[in-house]
Amino acid sequence: MAATLSSTKTVAALRSSARVSLDVLLVLVMTAVALWLLGKMWSIVWPLIVGLLLTTLTWPLARFLRRHGWRPALAASVVTVLFLLVASGIVALIAVPVASQSGELADGVVEGIDKLRAWAAGPPLNIGDDQIAGAFDSAVARVKDSVGSMVTYVGTGVSTVFNGLVTAVLALFLMFFFLKDGPRFLPWLTRQLPGRLATDVPVVAARGWDTLGAFVRSQAFVGLLDAVFIGLGLWILGVPLVLPLAVLTFVSAFVPIVGALFAGLVAVLIALVSNGLTDALIVLALIVVVQQLEGNVFQPMIQSRGLGLHAAVVLLAVALGGSLAGVVGSLLAVPVAALIAVVWNYLREQLSEPPREPGTDESPAGAVAPS
């Protein structure tokens, strides 16, 4: 009898495990299908995501104007124009000083190359001019052999730039419409959904919006810290173009990994051609220290507070996103993880039973006791 009961329990446990495994497999298949569809529609999804992120950055000003009697279309138009002016000002702040000192920088580059050549000709390398000329000739020959590949790379780069411009224009138009009609989205969504979804989905959407705003604000604060620390270091060392480099550091903070590498490379190059090798190495060490503090201390702490995520979760999310989708995955990993946490917390709130107060009757309030 006992053996039969044990066998029945084993079969029931196996059936339950099989059902759970089948459910998990179905969830994984649906997730794979959703990601595949997302990849097919990426040309539309990516401008939508960028537009949402820009809207979270500009919505506080639009909300302020709307609360002071401005019509939604006028407030959205003014905020969009101001955003364009600020973005153009940032580009000018970087480009104008660089263009004005381009001649000095070019002379510095030539002088730096001559110094490097003279250093290579001395001990311990003792590289002669004939060896340098031979290396140069071989490099030229390799370039000639790979002209076709270079044309392909150039075409890919032009296509990437064009796609980036199209994405920026679409994101800007979407930002305007989000600023104009955003507050009407949740009431419209409530009217479209049936049953309990009309309550649950708008609540989750509102919480997700707050989470995206916290992500953008935290990223901007981290970029500001990078710009201040690196800018102070460059100013102390007497490196030219301090303000453009600081602005470039702040803007590049919104693009993980690649943005920091690009801004750091530009700063080191300018320090090399203007102040020499020693200051360039000091700038490189400064950038490495600041980037390590940002990636391992500032960013996890600030984002974990603003997004309700632990610092370790932020680090793991960035690593996973980068391994799955490169730079875009690193950029979107933290907000996606935060949105998943929002959905999970809401589900947990709805599924958990409210605690009973001690000493209360188990029957619902107002119920009549059976006679």
Foldseek 3Di string as FASTA:
>chain_A
DVVVVVVVVVVVVVVVVVVVVVVVVVVVVVVVVVVVVCVVCVLPVLLVVLLLLVLLVQQVQLVVVVVVPDAQLVSLVVSLVVVVVVVVVLVCLQPVVCVVCVVVLVVLVVVLVVVVVVVCCDPPNVDDPVNVVVVVVVVVVVCVVCVVVVVVVVVVVVVVVVSVVVSVVSSSVSNSCCSRCVVVVLVVCLVVDDDPCSPQVSVLVVVLSQLSSLVSVLLLVLLLVLLVQLLVLCVVLVQPSSVSLSSQSSVLSLFPPVSLVVSLVVSLSSCCSPPHDVSSVVSNVSSVVSVCCSLQPRSLVSSCVSLVHHSVQLNVQLVVLCVVPNRVRNNCSSSVVSSVVSVVVSVVVVPDDDDDDPPDDPDDPPDDDDD
